[in-house]
Amino acid sequence: MRAVVLGGSIGGLLAARALSETFDRVVVVDRDDLAGTGPRKGVPHGLHAHAILAKGREVVEELFPGLTAELTAAGALVADLADLNWHNGTRPMRRRRLDSLMLGSSRPALEDHIRARVRALSNVDIRGGCEATGLLASPDRTTVTGATVVTLADGRTAELPADLVVDATGRGNRSAVWLGALGYDAPTEEVVRAGLVYVTREFRRRPLPSGSAGIVTGLSPACPYGAAMLPLEGERWILTLVGFAHDAPPVDDDGFAAFARRLSIADLHAVVDHAEPLTAPLRSRAPASVRRRYERMRRHPAGYLTFGDALCSFNPIYGQGMTVAAVESLALRDCVRRDGTVVPQRFYARAAKVIDIPWDIAVGGDLAFPAVEGPRTVRVRVLNAYLRRVLRATETDPAVTRAFLRTINLTRPPSRLFAPGMLRRVLLPARDHAARGSGEVVDAQPVRASGLHHRHDERH
C-alpha cells in the first residue's frame, strides 16, 4: 500500500508520520528543495513569530518522542506558559502556573527537526523540487488512484499511483479545482478577512527586566495593535508587531521602535531600545481565515483527503495552524483502516470537531472589530460579550487567566470557561473572588525558564 502526501510543510510531515504506521510506503512531494535547512520560499511567513500551542507540543512529542529535548539541546527554550508576560492590550493578566509547556523555537528550526525525524522513517520518501498538477482517478471517477507530478528542474511529468492521496499544500491548494475536474462539487467556504499587517524583527536575547520568557499581547477594539516577542534558538528574540492595514507597523528602524513603544510594556521597551537588532524589519500581510466545509459535501471520491491549511487556514495571530494540523494527524491515524482505506466522511467529521473550537476562537476574535466583515450571529455576539468579561477578569484573577490560557492552548474545552465556579469569578466583581482566594500567583517575577523541569499534569 502506498500513500502520497502533497506538500512537505509541517502539516504534510505530520500527515506522513501518521500514515507511516499503516502504509508500506509514504511519498511526500513539495515544490521546494527539501534537502537543506532554514527558511523556505514555500513558507513566506516562516520568518515571523510562530507558536505551537501547548496541545500541539504534546501531540508532536507523542508522534516524535524526545523532540522537545532535541530542540532544547539545539538552543530552543522550554518554559511554562505562565512564564510568558501575557497582556490584554497593555494591561497585564494575573498569572498562575499552568504546568503546560511552551517551546521557543523558530518555524524553520521546528520544521527542520520534524522533517529529519520523518525522513528517518524507513518507509517514508521525501521528494523536493516536485509540483503536483492533478489527480489520477478510476474510469468511473469514484476513486482517486494517484497524482501527477512535475519535476521542476527538467519539466518532466510523472504519475504517482497511490491508495491514498492527501492534499497538504496549504492555503493555496487546488483541491477544489482538481475535484471539479472529476465531477465533484467544490466545498462551501467560510471566509473572514481581518486585514492585519505583521512586521517582524529579531534581536539579541538577554534576560528581560521582569525575568519573563517572552511577551504576548491581545488585540481589541480599544487597543487594535499588539506584539508577540518569543525566544528563539541562538539566543535571539523574535518580535512581531501587528496592526491593521490603516495603522500598520512601519518597516524603518525608528518607526518600528516607535510602534512598539505604543504598548506600555517595560520588557518590550527594553528590547527595542537597548537590544542589538539582528535583522531588518520584515513585513507581511495576513491572508483571510478560510474554512472549507468538506464535511458537508454529499459526495467524496475514495482515496483522497484534504488536510491542514488546505482544509482550514486561520488568521496567524492566534497561532493555531500547526497545533490543529497536529491534532488532525491523530484523527487521520485513527481513521485509516488496516487495509489502507479511509472513509472521507469519517475523517472530515473528526477533523471538523478538531477545527470547531479554534475556528470559533479566531473568527470570534476577528469579528470583535467592527471593520471586519462577517456574519455576527447571536452566538458570536454572546460569546464575544462574555469573553470581554473573561479578559477583564484575567487582569485580577489568576484562576480565570489559567482557564483562559488553557482554552486558547486547546488543552481544555471552552466549556470550562462556563462552569459555575468560573461564571462566578467572571461575572462577580474582582473584590469578591479576591476574598475567596485565587491560589498561587505568578505576577511580576515569573519563574525563569530553565529547560525541561516542568511536567504536564492534566490533573491541574
Protein backbone atom coordinates (compact mmCIF):
# COMPACT_ATOMS: atom_id res chain seq x y z
CA MET A 1 0.00 0.00 0.00
CA ARG A 2 1.26 3.48 -0.85
CA ALA A 3 0.15 6.93 0.29
CA VAL A 4 1.18 10.16 -1.42
CA VAL A 5 1.22 13.39 0.58
CA LEU A 6 1.20 16.59 -1.47
CA GLY A 7 3.06 19.27 0.49
CA GLY A 8 6.14 18.90 2.68
CA SER A 9 5.50 21.63 5.23
CA ILE A 10 4.71 20.82 8.85
CA GLY A 11 1.15 19.74 8.05
CA GLY A 12 2.30 17.36 5.33
CA LEU A 13 5.08 15.97 7.51
CA LEU A 14 2.65 15.27 10.35
CA ALA A 15 0.26 13.56 7.93
CA ALA A 16 3.13 11.44 6.61
CA ARG A 17 4.09 10.44 10.15
CA ALA A 18 0.51 9.40 10.90
CA LEU A 19 0.23 7.37 7.68
CA SER A 20 3.60 5.69 8.18
CA GLU A 21 2.05 3.43 10.80
CA THR A 22 -0.30 1.80 8.29
CA PHE A 23 1.11 2.21 4.77
CA ASP A 24 4.04 0.25 3.39
CA ARG A 25 5.25 3.37 1.56
CA VAL A 26 4.59 7.07 2.05
CA VAL A 27 5.85 9.58 -0.52
CA VAL A 28 5.94 13.30 0.31
CA VAL A 29 6.34 15.78 -2.56
CA ASP A 30 6.90 19.55 -2.37
CA ARG A 31 7.89 22.37 -4.73
CA ASP A 32 10.81 23.47 -2.55
CA ASP A 33 14.19 21.81 -2.37
CA LEU A 34 13.88 20.00 0.95
CA ALA A 35 17.47 18.79 1.12
CA GLY A 36 18.70 21.84 3.04
CA THR A 37 17.66 23.59 6.24
CA GLY A 38 16.40 27.01 7.20
CA PRO A 39 13.72 29.30 5.69
CA ARG A 40 11.91 28.10 2.56
CA LYS A 41 10.34 30.05 -0.29
CA GLY A 42 7.18 27.99 0.12
CA VAL A 43 6.71 29.32 3.67
CA PRO A 44 6.96 33.10 3.17
CA HIS A 45 5.53 33.76 6.64
CA GLY A 46 8.08 31.44 8.26
CA LEU A 47 10.28 34.33 9.40
CA HIS A 48 7.57 35.81 11.61
CA ALA A 49 6.88 34.77 15.20
CA HIS A 50 5.35 31.30 15.36
CA ALA A 51 3.94 29.33 18.24
CA ILE A 52 2.99 25.73 18.63
CA LEU A 53 0.32 25.75 21.31
CA ALA A 54 0.59 23.54 24.38
CA LYS A 55 -1.70 20.89 22.89
CA GLY A 56 0.28 20.86 19.66
CA ARG A 57 3.55 20.39 21.51
CA GLU A 58 2.07 17.46 23.39
CA VAL A 59 0.89 15.78 20.17
CA VAL A 60 4.16 16.39 18.33
CA GLU A 61 6.03 14.94 21.29
CA GLU A 62 3.77 11.86 21.15
CA LEU A 63 4.47 11.40 17.44
CA PHE A 64 8.20 12.14 17.80
CA PRO A 65 9.29 11.13 21.31
CA GLY A 66 12.18 13.23 22.58
CA LEU A 67 11.72 16.03 20.03
CA THR A 68 11.31 18.68 22.74
CA ALA A 69 14.59 17.66 24.37
CA GLU A 70 16.24 17.55 20.94
CA LEU A 71 15.13 21.11 20.17
CA THR A 72 16.20 22.26 23.62
CA ALA A 73 19.66 20.79 23.06
CA ALA A 74 19.79 22.79 19.82
CA GLY A 75 19.13 26.02 21.74
CA ALA A 76 15.33 26.26 21.91
CA LEU A 77 13.84 27.46 25.18
CA VAL A 78 11.20 25.45 27.05
CA ALA A 79 9.14 27.11 29.76
CA ASP A 80 5.78 27.01 31.46
CA LEU A 81 3.19 29.13 29.66
CA ALA A 82 2.86 31.19 32.84
CA ASP A 83 6.45 32.34 32.33
CA LEU A 84 5.27 34.48 29.43
CA ASN A 85 4.18 38.04 30.10
CA TRP A 86 0.53 37.98 28.92
CA HIS A 87 -1.34 41.24 28.27
CA ASN A 88 -4.77 42.39 27.16
CA GLY A 89 -3.52 45.23 25.02
CA THR A 90 -1.25 46.97 27.52
CA ARG A 91 -2.99 45.60 30.65
CA PRO A 92 -1.19 42.62 32.23
CA MET A 93 -3.01 39.42 33.11
CA ARG A 94 -2.60 37.94 36.56
CA ARG A 95 -0.84 34.63 36.07
CA ARG A 96 -0.81 31.24 37.71
CA ARG A 97 1.30 28.21 36.91
CA LEU A 98 -0.24 26.12 34.14
CA ASP A 99 2.03 23.05 34.01
CA SER A 100 1.83 23.32 30.22
CA LEU A 101 4.99 23.89 28.25
CA MET A 102 5.74 26.39 25.53
CA LEU A 103 8.55 25.82 23.05
CA GLY A 104 10.67 28.79 21.99
CA SER A 105 11.80 27.74 18.52
CA SER A 106 11.76 29.35 15.11
CA ARG A 107 9.44 27.94 12.47
CA PRO A 108 12.35 26.88 10.20
CA ALA A 109 14.11 25.05 13.06
CA LEU A 110 10.94 23.27 14.13
CA GLU A 111 10.24 22.18 10.57
CA ASP A 112 13.84 21.08 10.01
CA HIS A 113 13.79 18.82 13.07
CA ILE A 114 10.39 17.32 12.23
CA ARG A 115 11.46 16.71 8.63
CA ALA A 116 14.63 14.98 9.82
CA ARG A 117 12.53 12.70 12.02
CA VAL A 118 10.14 11.89 9.18
CA ARG A 119 12.99 11.34 6.71
CA ALA A 120 14.49 8.83 9.15
CA LEU A 121 11.39 6.63 8.89
CA SER A 122 12.30 3.66 6.72
CA ASN A 123 9.04 3.69 4.76
CA VAL A 124 8.88 7.45 4.01
CA ASP A 125 10.37 9.08 0.91
CA ILE A 126 10.58 12.90 0.81
CA ARG A 127 10.98 14.44 -2.65
CA GLY A 128 11.65 18.13 -3.13
CA GLY A 129 11.51 20.10 -6.36
CA CYS A 130 8.25 18.45 -7.44
CA GLU A 131 4.86 20.06 -8.02
CA ALA A 132 1.55 18.22 -8.04
CA THR A 133 -0.53 19.18 -11.08
CA GLY A 134 -3.59 16.95 -10.84
CA LEU A 135 -5.16 13.70 -9.74
CA LEU A 136 -5.38 10.24 -11.24
CA ALA A 137 -8.73 8.50 -10.94
CA SER A 138 -10.53 5.27 -11.72
CA PRO A 139 -12.54 5.14 -15.00
CA ASP A 140 -15.78 5.88 -13.16
CA ARG A 141 -14.07 8.71 -11.21
CA THR A 142 -15.27 7.41 -7.86
CA THR A 143 -11.75 6.72 -6.60
CA VAL A 144 -8.55 8.76 -6.71
CA THR A 145 -5.71 6.44 -7.65
CA GLY A 146 -2.73 8.78 -7.51
CA ALA A 147 -1.37 12.16 -8.57
CA THR A 148 0.51 13.67 -11.49
CA VAL A 149 3.74 15.41 -10.52
CA VAL A 150 6.09 17.66 -12.50
CA THR A 151 9.81 17.74 -11.70
CA LEU A 152 10.61 21.44 -11.75
CA ALA A 153 14.27 21.03 -12.73
CA ASP A 154 13.53 19.43 -16.10
CA GLY A 155 9.76 19.76 -16.58
CA ARG A 156 9.16 16.01 -16.74
CA THR A 157 5.73 14.76 -15.72
CA ALA A 158 5.30 11.52 -13.83
CA GLU A 159 2.40 9.60 -12.38
CA LEU A 160 2.48 8.56 -8.75
CA PRO A 161 0.00 5.72 -8.13
CA ALA A 162 -1.40 5.66 -4.61
CA ASP A 163 -4.02 4.03 -2.46
CA LEU A 164 -4.47 7.36 -0.69
CA VAL A 165 -3.60 10.94 -1.72
CA VAL A 166 -3.54 13.65 0.95
CA ASP A 167 -3.51 17.29 -0.13
CA ALA A 168 -1.49 19.23 2.43
CA THR A 169 -0.43 22.01 0.05
CA GLY A 170 -1.67 24.77 2.32
CA ARG A 171 -3.70 27.92 1.76
CA GLY A 172 -3.10 27.97 -1.99
CA ASN A 173 -4.26 24.41 -2.56
CA ARG A 174 -6.08 23.40 -5.75
CA SER A 175 -8.23 20.62 -4.33
CA ALA A 176 -11.49 22.25 -5.41
CA VAL A 177 -10.22 22.57 -8.99
CA TRP A 178 -8.96 19.00 -9.10
CA LEU A 179 -12.18 17.63 -7.65
CA GLY A 180 -14.18 19.72 -10.11
CA ALA A 181 -12.29 18.11 -12.98
CA LEU A 182 -13.52 14.74 -11.67
CA GLY A 183 -17.13 15.93 -11.48
CA TYR A 184 -17.38 16.79 -7.79
CA ASP A 185 -18.79 19.98 -6.31
CA ALA A 186 -16.49 22.36 -4.50
CA PRO A 187 -16.94 22.60 -0.73
CA THR A 188 -18.65 25.67 0.66
CA GLU A 189 -16.24 28.17 2.18
CA GLU A 190 -16.44 30.44 5.20
CA VAL A 191 -14.13 33.44 4.83
CA VAL A 192 -13.22 36.19 7.30
CA ARG A 193 -10.80 38.92 6.22
CA ALA A 194 -9.29 40.75 9.17
CA GLY A 195 -6.84 42.89 7.17
CA LEU A 196 -3.91 42.59 9.57
CA VAL A 197 -0.30 43.50 8.79
CA TYR A 198 2.74 41.97 10.53
CA VAL A 199 6.25 43.38 10.82
CA THR A 200 8.98 41.25 12.41
CA ARG A 201 12.50 41.86 13.61
CA GLU A 202 14.99 39.73 15.53
CA PHE A 203 17.17 40.95 18.40
CA ARG A 204 19.97 39.56 20.51
CA ARG A 205 18.37 37.89 23.54
CA ARG A 206 19.26 39.00 27.04
CA PRO A 207 17.15 38.50 30.20
CA LEU A 208 14.14 40.79 30.40
CA PRO A 209 13.71 43.18 33.36
CA SER A 210 10.77 41.11 34.67
CA GLY A 211 12.56 37.79 34.11
CA SER A 212 9.71 36.59 31.88
CA ALA A 213 10.22 34.21 28.95
CA GLY A 214 8.52 36.49 26.43
CA ILE A 215 5.54 38.74 25.72
CA VAL A 216 2.16 38.10 24.14
CA THR A 217 -0.50 40.80 23.81
CA GLY A 218 -4.06 40.50 22.59
CA LEU A 219 -5.77 42.92 20.23
CA SER A 220 -9.13 44.53 20.94
CA PRO A 221 -11.17 47.42 19.53
CA ALA A 222 -9.82 49.51 22.39
CA CYS A 223 -6.21 48.55 21.52
CA PRO A 224 -6.13 47.49 17.84
CA TYR A 225 -2.42 46.72 17.73
CA GLY A 226 -0.19 44.25 19.52
CA ALA A 227 3.02 42.28 19.75
CA ALA A 228 4.41 38.81 20.24
CA MET A 229 8.00 38.54 21.40
CA LEU A 230 9.23 34.98 21.81
CA PRO A 231 12.62 33.36 22.46
CA LEU A 232 14.37 31.53 19.64
CA GLU A 233 17.35 29.23 19.42
CA GLY A 234 20.65 31.06 19.03
CA GLU A 235 19.96 33.44 21.94
CA ARG A 236 17.52 35.52 19.87
CA TRP A 237 14.26 37.34 20.44
CA ILE A 238 11.78 37.41 17.58
CA LEU A 239 9.45 40.39 17.83
CA THR A 240 6.38 40.57 15.61
CA LEU A 241 4.29 43.76 15.73
CA VAL A 242 0.71 43.59 14.48
CA GLY A 243 -1.68 46.27 13.29
CA PHE A 244 -4.50 46.82 10.84
CA ALA A 245 -3.81 47.95 7.29
CA HIS A 246 -4.77 51.56 8.05
CA ASP A 247 -2.41 51.59 11.05
CA ALA A 248 0.33 49.13 10.14
CA PRO A 249 3.70 48.80 11.87
CA PRO A 250 6.42 50.65 9.92
CA VAL A 251 9.42 48.88 8.41
CA ASP A 252 12.04 51.55 9.14
CA ASP A 253 14.08 51.28 12.33
CA ASP A 254 12.71 54.34 14.11
CA GLY A 255 9.12 53.69 13.06
CA PHE A 256 9.28 50.06 14.19
CA ALA A 257 10.58 51.08 17.62
CA ALA A 258 8.01 53.88 17.95
CA PHE A 259 5.16 51.48 17.14
CA ALA A 260 6.41 49.06 19.80
CA ARG A 261 6.55 51.86 22.37
CA ARG A 262 2.81 52.44 21.90
CA LEU A 263 2.46 49.33 24.06
CA SER A 264 3.43 50.48 27.56
CA ILE A 265 5.26 47.27 28.43
CA ALA A 266 8.68 47.72 30.02
CA ASP A 267 10.06 44.41 28.73
CA LEU A 268 9.19 45.38 25.18
CA HIS A 269 10.82 48.79 25.51
CA ALA A 270 13.96 47.21 26.94
CA VAL A 271 14.40 45.19 23.76
CA VAL A 272 13.55 47.77 21.08
CA ASP A 273 15.54 50.49 22.86
CA HIS A 274 18.61 48.57 24.03
CA ALA A 275 18.97 45.11 22.42
CA GLU A 276 21.14 44.55 19.38
CA PRO A 277 18.99 44.18 16.23
CA LEU A 278 19.94 41.15 14.14
CA THR A 279 17.61 41.60 11.15
CA ALA A 280 15.86 44.42 9.35
CA PRO A 281 12.08 44.74 9.86
CA LEU A 282 10.15 42.39 7.54
CA ARG A 283 6.51 43.00 6.57
CA SER A 284 3.79 40.51 5.68
CA ARG A 285 0.03 40.75 5.29
CA ALA A 286 -2.22 38.23 6.96
CA PRO A 287 -4.37 36.35 4.46
CA ALA A 288 -8.01 35.65 5.19
CA SER A 289 -9.17 32.88 7.51
CA VAL A 290 -10.80 30.27 5.28
CA ARG A 291 -12.70 27.17 6.34
CA ARG A 292 -13.62 24.68 3.63
CA ARG A 293 -16.60 22.59 4.66
CA TYR A 294 -15.69 19.21 3.18
CA GLU A 295 -17.67 17.52 5.94
CA ARG A 296 -20.86 18.97 4.40
CA MET A 297 -20.28 17.60 0.90
CA ARG A 298 -22.62 14.82 -0.16
CA ARG A 299 -20.14 13.09 -2.45
CA HIS A 300 -16.43 12.40 -1.96
CA PRO A 301 -14.08 10.33 -4.08
CA ALA A 302 -12.49 7.46 -2.22
CA GLY A 303 -8.72 7.62 -1.75
CA TYR A 304 -8.43 11.41 -1.39
CA LEU A 305 -8.36 13.84 1.55
CA THR A 306 -7.51 17.47 2.20
CA PHE A 307 -5.55 18.23 5.36
CA GLY A 308 -4.18 21.05 7.50
CA ASP A 309 -4.30 24.54 5.99
CA ALA A 310 -5.84 23.10 2.82
CA LEU A 311 -8.84 22.20 4.98
CA CYS A 312 -8.87 25.27 7.21
CA SER A 313 -6.42 28.17 7.34
CA PHE A 314 -6.52 30.53 10.30
CA ASN A 315 -5.62 34.13 10.97
CA PRO A 316 -1.96 33.64 12.02
CA ILE A 317 -2.32 35.97 15.01
CA TYR A 318 -3.89 33.15 17.02
CA GLY A 319 -1.03 30.70 16.39
CA GLN A 320 -3.38 27.78 15.79
CA GLY A 321 -2.38 26.30 12.44
CA MET A 322 0.42 23.93 13.47
CA THR A 323 -1.47 22.72 16.53
CA VAL A 324 -4.65 22.00 14.56
CA ALA A 325 -2.62 20.08 11.96
CA ALA A 326 -1.01 18.06 14.77
CA VAL A 327 -4.37 17.07 16.26
CA GLU A 328 -5.75 16.34 12.78
CA SER A 329 -2.85 13.95 12.25
CA LEU A 330 -4.07 11.88 15.19
CA ALA A 331 -7.56 11.83 13.66
CA LEU A 332 -6.06 10.73 10.35
CA ARG A 333 -4.08 7.97 12.01
CA ASP A 334 -7.19 6.71 13.78
CA CYS A 335 -9.35 6.84 10.64
CA VAL A 336 -7.06 4.78 8.41
CA ARG A 337 -8.06 1.15 8.36
CA ARG A 338 -5.59 -1.69 8.38
CA ASP A 339 -6.12 -2.24 4.65
CA GLY A 340 -5.09 1.37 3.98
CA THR A 341 -8.55 2.71 3.20
CA VAL A 342 -10.16 5.67 4.88
CA VAL A 343 -13.76 6.83 4.57
CA PRO A 344 -13.51 10.56 3.70
CA GLN A 345 -16.75 11.42 5.51
CA ARG A 346 -15.41 9.88 8.70
CA PHE A 347 -12.14 11.80 8.58
CA TYR A 348 -13.81 15.10 7.73
CA ALA A 349 -16.30 14.68 10.57
CA ARG A 350 -13.43 14.06 13.00
CA ALA A 351 -11.42 16.95 11.58
CA ALA A 352 -14.42 19.29 11.85
CA LYS A 353 -14.57 18.62 15.59
CA VAL A 354 -10.86 19.42 15.83
CA ILE A 355 -11.35 22.69 13.92
CA ASP A 356 -14.56 23.90 15.59
CA ILE A 357 -13.04 25.31 18.77
CA PRO A 358 -10.02 27.15 17.28
CA TRP A 359 -12.22 28.42 14.44
CA ASP A 360 -14.73 29.87 16.89
CA ILE A 361 -11.88 31.49 18.84
CA ALA A 362 -10.30 33.01 15.72
CA VAL A 363 -13.48 34.14 13.98
CA GLY A 364 -15.00 35.45 17.20
CA GLY A 365 -11.83 37.41 17.89
CA ASP A 366 -11.76 38.88 14.38
CA LEU A 367 -15.43 39.82 14.40
CA ALA A 368 -14.98 41.75 17.65
CA PHE A 369 -13.61 44.51 15.40
CA PRO A 370 -16.44 46.46 13.72
CA ALA A 371 -14.48 46.95 10.49
CA VAL A 372 -14.05 43.19 9.91
CA GLU A 373 -16.73 41.85 7.60
CA GLY A 374 -18.56 38.67 8.53
CA PRO A 375 -21.84 37.33 9.93
CA ARG A 376 -22.25 38.29 13.58
CA THR A 377 -24.72 35.69 14.70
CA VAL A 378 -26.37 35.82 18.11
CA ARG A 379 -23.93 33.11 19.21
CA VAL A 380 -20.91 35.18 18.10
CA ARG A 381 -22.22 38.30 19.84
CA VAL A 382 -22.96 36.48 23.09
CA LEU A 383 -19.60 34.70 23.14
CA ASN A 384 -17.70 37.90 22.42
CA ALA A 385 -19.57 39.75 25.17
CA TYR A 386 -18.71 37.00 27.64
CA LEU A 387 -15.08 36.82 26.53
CA ARG A 388 -14.74 40.55 27.12
CA ARG A 389 -15.74 39.87 30.71
CA VAL A 390 -13.31 36.94 30.85
CA LEU A 391 -10.43 39.12 29.70
CA ARG A 392 -11.27 41.80 32.23
CA ALA A 393 -11.30 39.14 34.95
CA THR A 394 -7.84 37.87 33.90
CA GLU A 395 -6.41 41.20 34.98
CA THR A 396 -7.27 40.48 38.62
CA ASP A 397 -7.89 36.74 38.96
CA PRO A 398 -5.13 34.25 38.07
CA ALA A 399 -7.60 31.35 38.15
CA VAL A 400 -9.50 32.91 35.25
CA THR A 401 -6.22 33.51 33.41
CA ARG A 402 -5.34 29.86 33.88
CA ALA A 403 -8.68 28.69 32.47
CA PHE A 404 -8.48 31.15 29.57
CA LEU A 405 -4.92 30.21 28.57
CA ARG A 406 -5.71 26.50 28.76
CA THR A 407 -8.68 27.09 26.44
CA ILE A 408 -6.75 29.02 23.81
CA ASN A 409 -3.94 26.45 24.02
CA LEU A 410 -6.54 23.72 23.32
CA THR A 411 -5.67 21.68 26.41
CA ARG A 412 -9.13 22.27 27.90
CA PRO A 413 -12.54 22.60 26.22
CA PRO A 414 -14.19 26.06 26.22
CA SER A 415 -16.97 24.62 28.39
CA ARG A 416 -14.57 25.01 31.35
CA LEU A 417 -14.91 28.78 30.98
CA PHE A 418 -18.66 28.41 31.52
CA ALA A 419 -18.53 26.14 34.58
CA PRO A 420 -20.49 27.54 37.56
CA GLY A 421 -17.39 28.39 39.56
CA MET A 422 -15.80 30.17 36.61
CA LEU A 423 -19.02 32.05 35.84
CA ARG A 424 -18.98 33.43 39.38
CA ARG A 425 -15.38 34.55 39.03
CA VAL A 426 -16.02 36.20 35.66
CA LEU A 427 -19.32 37.88 36.44
CA LEU A 428 -18.80 38.95 40.06
CA PRO A 429 -16.67 41.99 40.96
CA ALA A 430 -12.95 41.33 41.39
CA ARG A 431 -13.06 42.04 45.14
CA ASP A 432 -15.43 39.09 45.63
CA HIS A 433 -13.16 36.48 44.09
CA ALA A 434 -10.16 38.11 45.75
CA ALA A 435 -11.87 37.47 49.03
CA ARG A 436 -12.41 33.83 48.11
CA GLY A 437 -8.73 33.44 47.34
CA SER A 438 -7.23 32.84 43.94
CA GLY A 439 -4.38 30.44 44.54
CA GLU A 440 -0.76 30.70 43.56
CA VAL A 441 0.03 33.90 41.68
CA VAL A 442 2.87 34.31 39.23
CA ASP A 443 2.91 38.07 38.77
CA ALA A 444 5.80 40.49 38.46
CA GLN A 445 8.56 37.90 38.79
CA PRO A 446 7.70 34.66 36.97
CA VAL A 447 9.70 31.51 37.48
CA ARG A 448 12.51 31.66 34.95
CA ALA A 449 12.59 29.13 32.14
CA SER A 450 15.31 26.56 32.61
CA GLY A 451 14.65 23.69 30.27
CA LEU A 452 12.66 20.54 30.87
CA HIS A 453 11.88 20.96 34.53
CA HIS A 454 8.08 21.07 34.34
CA ARG A 455 5.85 18.07 33.84
CA HIS A 456 2.47 18.49 32.18
CA ASP A 457 -0.17 17.15 34.56
CA GLU A 458 -3.76 17.02 33.38
CA ARG A 459 -4.99 16.85 36.95
CA HIS A 460 -4.39 20.56 37.49
